[in-house]
């Protein structure tokens, strides 16, 4: 899966998402979006959610963790 990194103009957050953002019928093939928000006075925070959700679904379908609570996938392989 190739990742594309985007910078938001309205905040200093970085979004990493698969190049082709779509919902898959198979849970094994589901794609996710990760947004990392840096903070000056607190650990950075990463929020992950399935790609292709409606605005209503985004309100309740996400997971966030502060830096230090997550590790690089490459390190764990």
PDB file of N, CA and C in Angstrom:
ATOM      1  N   UNK A   1       0.855  -1.175   0.000  1.00  0.00           N
ATOM      2  CA  UNK A   1       0.000   0.000   0.000  1.00  0.00           C
ATOM      3  C   UNK A   1       0.897   1.232   0.000  1.00  0.00           C
ATOM      4  N   UNK A   2       0.732   2.121  -0.959  1.00  0.00           N
ATOM      5  CA  UNK A   2       1.481   3.371  -1.004  1.00  0.00           C
ATOM      6  C   UNK A   2       0.764   4.413  -0.181  1.00  0.00           C
ATOM      7  N   UNK A   3       1.518   5.198   0.594  1.00  0.00           N
ATOM      8  CA  UNK A   3       0.928   6.246   1.415  1.00  0.00           C
ATOM      9  C   UNK A   3       1.204   7.604   0.807  1.00  0.00           C
ATOM     10  N   UNK A   4       0.242   8.501   0.957  1.00  0.00           N
ATOM     11  CA  UNK A   4       0.375   9.877   0.526  1.00  0.00           C
ATOM     12  C   UNK A   4       0.264  10.749   1.767  1.00  0.00           C
ATOM     13  N   UNK A   5       1.242  11.627   1.971  1.00  0.00           N
ATOM     14  CA  UNK A   5       1.205  12.502   3.137  1.00  0.00           C
ATOM     15  C   UNK A   5       0.685  13.864   2.716  1.00  0.00           C
ATOM     16  N   UNK A   6      -0.299  14.366   3.440  1.00  0.00           N
ATOM     17  CA  UNK A   6      -0.909  15.660   3.160  1.00  0.00           C
ATOM     18  C   UNK A   6      -0.709  16.578   4.347  1.00  0.00           C
ATOM     19  N   UNK A   7      -0.562  17.875   4.112  1.00  0.00           N
ATOM     20  CA  UNK A   7      -0.493  18.866   5.169  1.00  0.00           C
ATOM     21  C   UNK A   7      -1.770  19.682   5.114  1.00  0.00           C
ATOM     22  N   UNK A   8      -2.411  19.864   6.264  1.00  0.00           N
ATOM     23  CA  UNK A   8      -3.615  20.675   6.349  1.00  0.00           C
ATOM     24  C   UNK A   8      -3.219  22.143   6.505  1.00  0.00           C
ATOM     25  N   UNK A   9      -3.859  23.042   5.787  1.00  0.00           N
ATOM     26  CA  UNK A   9      -3.574  24.470   5.884  1.00  0.00           C
ATOM     27  C   UNK A   9      -4.081  25.070   7.184  1.00  0.00           C
ATOM     28  N   UNK A  10      -5.193  24.549   7.725  1.00  0.00           N
ATOM     29  CA  UNK A  10      -5.811  25.154   8.894  1.00  0.00           C
ATOM     30  C   UNK A  10      -5.190  24.716  10.211  1.00  0.00           C
ATOM     31  N   UNK A  11      -4.342  23.694  10.192  1.00  0.00           N
ATOM     32  CA  UNK A  11      -3.652  23.264  11.401  1.00  0.00           C
ATOM     33  C   UNK A  11      -2.378  22.550  10.997  1.00  0.00           C
ATOM     34  N   UNK A  12      -1.518  22.308  11.950  1.00  0.00           N
ATOM     35  CA  UNK A  12      -0.234  21.691  11.664  1.00  0.00           C
ATOM     36  C   UNK A  12      -0.323  20.177  11.797  1.00  0.00           C
ATOM     37  N   UNK A  13      -1.323  19.574  11.166  1.00  0.00           N
ATOM     38  CA  UNK A  13      -1.533  18.129  11.242  1.00  0.00           C
ATOM     39  C   UNK A  13      -1.065  17.476   9.959  1.00  0.00           C
ATOM     40  N   UNK A  14      -0.580  16.265  10.069  1.00  0.00           N
ATOM     41  CA  UNK A  14      -0.165  15.497   8.910  1.00  0.00           C
ATOM     42  C   UNK A  14      -1.122  14.331   8.748  1.00  0.00           C
ATOM     43  N   UNK A  15      -1.628  14.150   7.547  1.00  0.00           N
ATOM     44  CA  UNK A  15      -2.535  13.042   7.254  1.00  0.00           C
ATOM     45  C   UNK A  15      -1.828  12.061   6.346  1.00  0.00           C
ATOM     46  N   UNK A  16      -1.857  10.793   6.715  1.00  0.00           N
ATOM     47  CA  UNK A  16      -1.327   9.746   5.856  1.00  0.00           C
ATOM     48  C   UNK A  16      -2.492   8.871   5.468  1.00  0.00           C
ATOM     49  N   UNK A  17      -2.678   8.683   4.172  1.00  0.00           N
ATOM     50  CA  UNK A  17      -3.786   7.858   3.714  1.00  0.00           C
ATOM     51  C   UNK A  17      -3.354   7.073   2.495  1.00  0.00           C
ATOM     52  N   UNK A  18      -3.995   5.946   2.254  1.00  0.00           N
ATOM     53  CA  UNK A  18      -3.686   5.168   1.051  1.00  0.00           C
ATOM     54  C   UNK A  18      -3.961   5.997  -0.192  1.00  0.00           C
ATOM     55  N   UNK A  19      -3.181   5.774  -1.237  1.00  0.00           N
ATOM     56  CA  UNK A  19      -3.355   6.534  -2.474  1.00  0.00           C
ATOM     57  C   UNK A  19      -4.773   6.400  -3.018  1.00  0.00           C
ATOM     58  N   UNK A  20      -5.357   5.209  -2.975  1.00  0.00           N
ATOM     59  CA  UNK A  20      -6.733   4.997  -3.418  1.00  0.00           C
ATOM     60  C   UNK A  20      -7.604   4.862  -2.176  1.00  0.00           C
ATOM     61  N   UNK A  21      -8.348   5.916  -1.848  1.00  0.00           N
ATOM     62  CA  UNK A  21      -9.176   5.913  -0.642  1.00  0.00           C
ATOM     63  C   UNK A  21     -10.581   5.433  -0.991  1.00  0.00           C
ATOM     64  N   UNK A  22     -10.921   4.217  -0.501  1.00  0.00           N
ATOM     65  CA  UNK A  22     -12.250   3.666  -0.739  1.00  0.00           C
ATOM     66  C   UNK A  22     -12.533   2.638   0.341  1.00  0.00           C
ATOM     67  N   UNK A  23     -13.813   2.371   0.588  1.00  0.00           N
ATOM     68  CA  UNK A  23     -14.220   1.329   1.525  1.00  0.00           C
ATOM     69  C   UNK A  23     -14.209  -0.004   0.789  1.00  0.00           C
ATOM     70  N   UNK A  24     -13.706  -1.024   1.408  1.00  0.00           N
ATOM     71  CA  UNK A  24     -13.642  -2.350   0.810  1.00  0.00           C
ATOM     72  C   UNK A  24     -14.722  -3.236   1.422  1.00  0.00           C
ATOM     73  N   UNK A  25     -15.222  -4.185   0.662  1.00  0.00           N
ATOM     74  CA  UNK A  25     -16.238  -5.112   1.166  1.00  0.00           C
ATOM     75  C   UNK A  25     -15.630  -6.080   2.176  1.00  0.00           C
ATOM     76  N   UNK A  26     -14.335  -6.351   2.065  1.00  0.00           N
ATOM     77  CA  UNK A  26     -13.658  -7.273   2.963  1.00  0.00           C
ATOM     78  C   UNK A  26     -12.969  -6.508   4.086  1.00  0.00           C
ATOM     79  N   UNK A  27     -13.194  -6.928   5.327  1.00  0.00           N
ATOM     80  CA  UNK A  27     -12.563  -6.265   6.467  1.00  0.00           C
ATOM     81  C   UNK A  27     -11.048  -6.399   6.406  1.00  0.00           C
ATOM     82  N   UNK A  28     -10.537  -7.496   5.810  1.00  0.00           N
ATOM     83  CA  UNK A  28      -9.092  -7.691   5.706  1.00  0.00           C
ATOM     84  C   UNK A  28      -8.443  -6.655   4.790  1.00  0.00           C
ATOM     85  N   UNK A  29      -9.202  -6.125   3.840  1.00  0.00           N
ATOM     86  CA  UNK A  29      -8.679  -5.167   2.882  1.00  0.00           C
ATOM     87  C   UNK A  29      -9.044  -3.721   3.233  1.00  0.00           C
ATOM     88  N   UNK A  30      -9.626  -3.491   4.395  1.00  0.00           N
ATOM     89  CA  UNK A  30     -10.081  -2.153   4.748  1.00  0.00           C
ATOM     90  C   UNK A  30      -8.909  -1.191   4.851  1.00  0.00           C
ATOM     91  N   UNK A  31      -9.088   0.014   4.337  1.00  0.00           N
ATOM     92  CA  UNK A  31      -8.054   1.038   4.346  1.00  0.00           C
ATOM     93  C   UNK A  31      -8.356   2.057   5.430  1.00  0.00           C
ATOM     94  N   UNK A  32      -7.302   2.621   6.008  1.00  0.00           N
ATOM     95  CA  UNK A  32      -7.442   3.564   7.106  1.00  0.00           C
ATOM     96  C   UNK A  32      -6.699   4.859   6.821  1.00  0.00           C
ATOM     97  N   UNK A  33      -7.130   5.924   7.471  1.00  0.00           N
ATOM     98  CA  UNK A  33      -6.500   7.229   7.396  1.00  0.00           C
ATOM     99  C   UNK A  33      -5.894   7.500   8.767  1.00  0.00           C
ATOM    100  N   UNK A  34      -4.684   8.047   8.807  1.00  0.00           N
ATOM    101  CA  UNK A  34      -4.034   8.410  10.064  1.00  0.00           C
ATOM    102  C   UNK A  34      -3.705   9.897  10.026  1.00  0.00           C
ATOM    103  N   UNK A  35      -4.121  10.629  11.057  1.00  0.00           N
ATOM    104  CA  UNK A  35      -3.818  12.050  11.175  1.00  0.00           C
ATOM    105  C   UNK A  35      -2.981  12.239  12.437  1.00  0.00           C
ATOM    106  N   UNK A  36      -1.799  12.853  12.284  1.00  0.00           N
ATOM    107  CA  UNK A  36      -0.937  13.145  13.426  1.00  0.00           C
ATOM    108  C   UNK A  36      -0.961  14.645  13.664  1.00  0.00           C
ATOM    109  N   UNK A  37      -1.365  15.037  14.881  1.00  0.00           N
ATOM    110  CA  UNK A  37      -1.428  16.450  15.249  1.00  0.00           C
ATOM    111  C   UNK A  37      -0.318  16.731  16.255  1.00  0.00           C
ATOM    112  N   UNK A  38       0.641  17.604  15.904  1.00  0.00           N
ATOM    113  CA  UNK A  38       1.720  17.938  16.839  1.00  0.00           C
ATOM    114  C   UNK A  38       1.266  18.998  17.847  1.00  0.00           C
ATOM    115  N   UNK A  39       1.721  18.870  19.076  1.00  0.00           N
ATOM    116  CA  UNK A  39       1.427  19.835  20.137  1.00  0.00           C
ATOM    117  C   UNK A  39       2.738  20.327  20.728  1.00  0.00           C
ATOM    118  N   UNK A  40       2.828  21.622  21.023  1.00  0.00           N
ATOM    119  CA  UNK A  40       4.027  22.185  21.651  1.00  0.00           C
ATOM    120  C   UNK A  40       4.123  21.799  23.118  1.00  0.00           C
ATOM    121  N   UNK A  41       2.987  21.713  23.805  1.00  0.00           N
ATOM    122  CA  UNK A  41       2.982  21.512  25.252  1.00  0.00           C
ATOM    123  C   UNK A  41       2.466  20.131  25.679  1.00  0.00           C
ATOM    124  N   UNK A  42       2.353  19.191  24.735  1.00  0.00           N
ATOM    125  CA  UNK A  42       1.869  17.845  25.040  1.00  0.00           C
ATOM    126  C   UNK A  42       2.387  16.894  23.957  1.00  0.00           C
ATOM    127  N   UNK A  43       2.333  15.581  24.213  1.00  0.00           N
ATOM    128  CA  UNK A  43       2.753  14.638  23.165  1.00  0.00           C
ATOM    129  C   UNK A  43       1.884  14.763  21.914  1.00  0.00           C
ATOM    130  N   UNK A  44       2.498  14.535  20.742  1.00  0.00           N
ATOM    131  CA  UNK A  44       1.729  14.514  19.500  1.00  0.00           C
ATOM    132  C   UNK A  44       0.641  13.453  19.621  1.00  0.00           C
ATOM    133  N   UNK A  45      -0.451  13.625  18.858  1.00  0.00           N
ATOM    134  CA  UNK A  45      -1.564  12.689  18.927  1.00  0.00           C
ATOM    135  C   UNK A  45      -1.885  12.166  17.531  1.00  0.00           C
ATOM    136  N   UNK A  46      -2.032  10.848  17.415  1.00  0.00           N
ATOM    137  CA  UNK A  46      -2.371  10.194  16.154  1.00  0.00           C
ATOM    138  C   UNK A  46      -3.804   9.681  16.243  1.00  0.00           C
ATOM    139  N   UNK A  47      -4.629  10.032  15.249  1.00  0.00           N
ATOM    140  CA  UNK A  47      -5.999   9.533  15.170  1.00  0.00           C
ATOM    141  C   UNK A  47      -6.125   8.711  13.893  1.00  0.00           C
ATOM    142  N   UNK A  48      -6.703   7.509  14.025  1.00  0.00           N
ATOM    143  CA  UNK A  48      -6.857   6.585  12.904  1.00  0.00           C
ATOM    144  C   UNK A  48      -8.333   6.256  12.731  1.00  0.00           C
ATOM    145  N   UNK A  49      -8.790   6.240  11.470  1.00  0.00           N
ATOM    146  CA  UNK A  49     -10.182   5.903  11.180  1.00  0.00           C
ATOM    147  C   UNK A  49     -10.276   5.286   9.794  1.00  0.00           C
ATOM    148  N   UNK A  50     -11.306   4.481   9.532  1.00  0.00           N
ATOM    149  CA  UNK A  50     -11.474   3.872   8.212  1.00  0.00           C
ATOM    150  C   UNK A  50     -11.689   4.942   7.136  1.00  0.00           C
ATOM    151  N   UNK A  51     -11.111   4.724   5.970  1.00  0.00           N
ATOM    152  CA  UNK A  51     -11.287   5.639   4.843  1.00  0.00           C
ATOM    153  C   UNK A  51     -12.709   5.547   4.318  1.00  0.00           C
ATOM    154  N   UNK A  52     -13.216   6.661   3.780  1.00  0.00           N
ATOM    155  CA  UNK A  52     -14.501   6.658   3.100  1.00  0.00           C
ATOM    156  C   UNK A  52     -15.718   6.770   3.986  1.00  0.00           C
ATOM    157  N   UNK A  53     -15.548   7.190   5.240  1.00  0.00           N
ATOM    158  CA  UNK A  53     -16.699   7.329   6.133  1.00  0.00           C
ATOM    159  C   UNK A  53     -17.462   8.619   5.861  1.00  0.00           C
ATOM    160  N   UNK A  54     -18.737   8.612   6.174  1.00  0.00           N
ATOM    161  CA  UNK A  54     -19.533   9.845   6.088  1.00  0.00           C
ATOM    162  C   UNK A  54     -19.166  10.724   7.282  1.00  0.00           C
ATOM    163  N   UNK A  55     -19.558  11.993   7.248  1.00  0.00           N
ATOM    164  CA  UNK A  55     -19.280  12.898   8.372  1.00  0.00           C
ATOM    165  C   UNK A  55     -19.912  12.383   9.666  1.00  0.00           C
ATOM    166  N   UNK A  56     -21.118  11.823   9.580  1.00  0.00           N
ATOM    167  CA  UNK A  56     -21.776  11.272  10.773  1.00  0.00           C
ATOM    168  C   UNK A  56     -21.000  10.085  11.333  1.00  0.00           C
ATOM    169  N   UNK A  57     -20.524   9.194  10.459  1.00  0.00           N
ATOM    170  CA  UNK A  57     -19.762   8.025  10.913  1.00  0.00           C
ATOM    171  C   UNK A  57     -18.440   8.435  11.552  1.00  0.00           C
ATOM    172  N   UNK A  58     -17.821   9.503  11.034  1.00  0.00           N
ATOM    173  CA  UNK A  58     -16.546   9.970  11.581  1.00  0.00           C
ATOM    174  C   UNK A  58     -16.658  10.422  13.037  1.00  0.00           C
ATOM    175  N   UNK A  59     -17.841  10.822  13.450  1.00  0.00           N
ATOM    176  CA  UNK A  59     -18.029  11.284  14.831  1.00  0.00           C
ATOM    177  C   UNK A  59     -17.810  10.179  15.848  1.00  0.00           C
ATOM    178  N   UNK A  60     -18.009   8.927  15.461  1.00  0.00           N
ATOM    179  CA  UNK A  60     -17.940   7.828  16.421  1.00  0.00           C
ATOM    180  C   UNK A  60     -17.030   6.677  16.008  1.00  0.00           C
ATOM    181  N   UNK A  61     -16.363   6.779  14.864  1.00  0.00           N
ATOM    182  CA  UNK A  61     -15.560   5.666  14.371  1.00  0.00           C
ATOM    183  C   UNK A  61     -14.105   6.094  14.211  1.00  0.00           C
ATOM    184  N   UNK A  62     -13.387   6.197  15.321  1.00  0.00           N
ATOM    185  CA  UNK A  62     -11.995   6.615  15.305  1.00  0.00           C
ATOM    186  C   UNK A  62     -11.291   6.131  16.562  1.00  0.00           C
ATOM    187  N   UNK A  63      -9.963   6.172  16.524  1.00  0.00           N
ATOM    188  CA  UNK A  63      -9.128   5.782  17.652  1.00  0.00           C
ATOM    189  C   UNK A  63      -7.972   6.766  17.720  1.00  0.00           C
ATOM    190  N   UNK A  64      -7.716   7.334  18.897  1.00  0.00           N
ATOM    191  CA  UNK A  64      -6.607   8.269  19.069  1.00  0.00           C
ATOM    192  C   UNK A  64      -5.644   7.767  20.130  1.00  0.00           C
ATOM    193  N   UNK A  65      -4.359   8.082  19.942  1.00  0.00           N
ATOM    194  CA  UNK A  65      -3.328   7.732  20.919  1.00  0.00           C
ATOM    195  C   UNK A  65      -2.260   8.811  20.912  1.00  0.00           C
ATOM    196  N   UNK A  66      -1.694   9.083  22.078  1.00  0.00           N
ATOM    197  CA  UNK A  66      -0.619  10.059  22.184  1.00  0.00           C
ATOM    198  C   UNK A  66       0.714   9.401  21.849  1.00  0.00           C
ATOM    199  N   UNK A  67       1.651  10.231  21.352  1.00  0.00           N
ATOM    200  CA  UNK A  67       2.987   9.741  21.042  1.00  0.00           C
ATOM    201  C   UNK A  67       3.566   9.029  22.262  1.00  0.00           C
ATOM    202  N   UNK A  68       4.199   7.907  22.028  1.00  0.00           N
ATOM    203  CA  UNK A  68       4.713   7.100  23.118  1.00  0.00           C
ATOM    204  C   UNK A  68       3.825   5.905  23.393  1.00  0.00           C
ATOM    205  N   UNK A  69       2.565   5.977  22.978  1.00  0.00           N
ATOM    206  CA  UNK A  69       1.618   4.879  23.173  1.00  0.00           C
ATOM    207  C   UNK A  69       1.518   4.018  21.916  1.00  0.00           C
ATOM    208  N   UNK A  70       2.195   4.413  20.842  1.00  0.00           N
ATOM    209  CA  UNK A  70       2.175   3.646  19.599  1.00  0.00           C
ATOM    210  C   UNK A  70       3.594   3.531  19.055  1.00  0.00           C
ATOM    211  N   UNK A  71       3.813   2.543  18.206  1.00  0.00           N
ATOM    212  CA  UNK A  71       5.137   2.285  17.635  1.00  0.00           C
ATOM    213  C   UNK A  71       5.036   2.160  16.125  1.00  0.00           C
ATOM    214  N   UNK A  72       6.151   2.252  15.458  1.00  0.00           N
ATOM    215  CA  UNK A  72       6.213   2.104  14.016  1.00  0.00           C
ATOM    216  C   UNK A  72       5.908   0.667  13.605  1.00  0.00           C
ATOM    217  N   UNK A  73       5.085   0.487  12.589  1.00  0.00           N
ATOM    218  CA  UNK A  73       4.786  -0.849  12.081  1.00  0.00           C
ATOM    219  C   UNK A  73       6.058  -1.530  11.615  1.00  0.00           C
ATOM    220  N   UNK A  74       6.951  -0.797  10.955  1.00  0.00           N
ATOM    221  CA  UNK A  74       8.200  -1.366  10.468  1.00  0.00           C
ATOM    222  C   UNK A  74       9.052  -1.921  11.622  1.00  0.00           C
ATOM    223  N   UNK A  75       9.022  -1.262  12.777  1.00  0.00           N
ATOM    224  CA  UNK A  75       9.777  -1.750  13.940  1.00  0.00           C
ATOM    225  C   UNK A  75       9.225  -3.062  14.468  1.00  0.00           C
ATOM    226  N   UNK A  76       7.930  -3.291  14.333  1.00  0.00           N
ATOM    227  CA  UNK A  76       7.307  -4.485  14.875  1.00  0.00           C
ATOM    228  C   UNK A  76       7.338  -5.681  13.932  1.00  0.00           C
ATOM    229  N   UNK A  77       7.679  -5.433  12.674  1.00  0.00           N
ATOM    230  CA  UNK A  77       7.705  -6.539  11.690  1.00  0.00           C
ATOM    231  C   UNK A  77       8.943  -7.356  11.836  1.00  0.00           C
TER     232      UNK A  77
END
